[in-house]
């Protein structure tokens, strides 16, 4: 079991469900569980009532893309409107605590990358987060190009990219601006690895566990993870 994981906030549930989540949460030591009045960008996954999703996001006064993945819960009749409002997943009542934890973990998708016994979570606005063994939070904001490269690797684990393919994939078809120079990809990846090394060490981890690796003859990437 990984010692550190992601921050999960739950809003709008009654005291009985809170108690069940607290008890079952002991089986998920990699999850930092919080009960909050509303969703926030301070967390990696947010769970809220489907009615609140509709009220807050349906009119688009608050943009869903500014938030981490949101899981809504409620009666099945609410599901279509909640999904249309933009939630990532929906829990139909009655739902179990294990279902919530497993769906939350699945919602992270390629946002969660394991490095030794630590978990790196990529969030909004180019931010990487790691939680140490004591639950302490360590953050780092990446420059745009480095974040794009990291997300490319995280979303294609087990695939490796040479410098030409990285430049091609990260340059929009209609753009006149490229990753300048044949060694630009090397430079960005070198800086990305150094930043991740520093983040892991700050969180009590080992720089040798950096998930961004070089495969001779193939390029760079992140190894497949179970």
Foldseek 3Di string as FASTA:
>chain_A
DFLAAWEEEEADDDPVVVVQLVVCCVVVNRYHYYYDHDFDQVGQEYEYALVVLLVPQVVPPDPPLVHHAYEHEEAPVSVVSSVVSPHPYYHHPPDHSVVVVVVRVVSQPLQWDDQPSWIWGAGPQQKIWIAANVRDIFMDHDPPLLSVVQSVQSNPAQAFAAQVVSQVVPADPPDPDTLPDSCSVVVSVVVSLVVVQVRQVVRVHHSVRRQWDADPPGHIHGHDDD
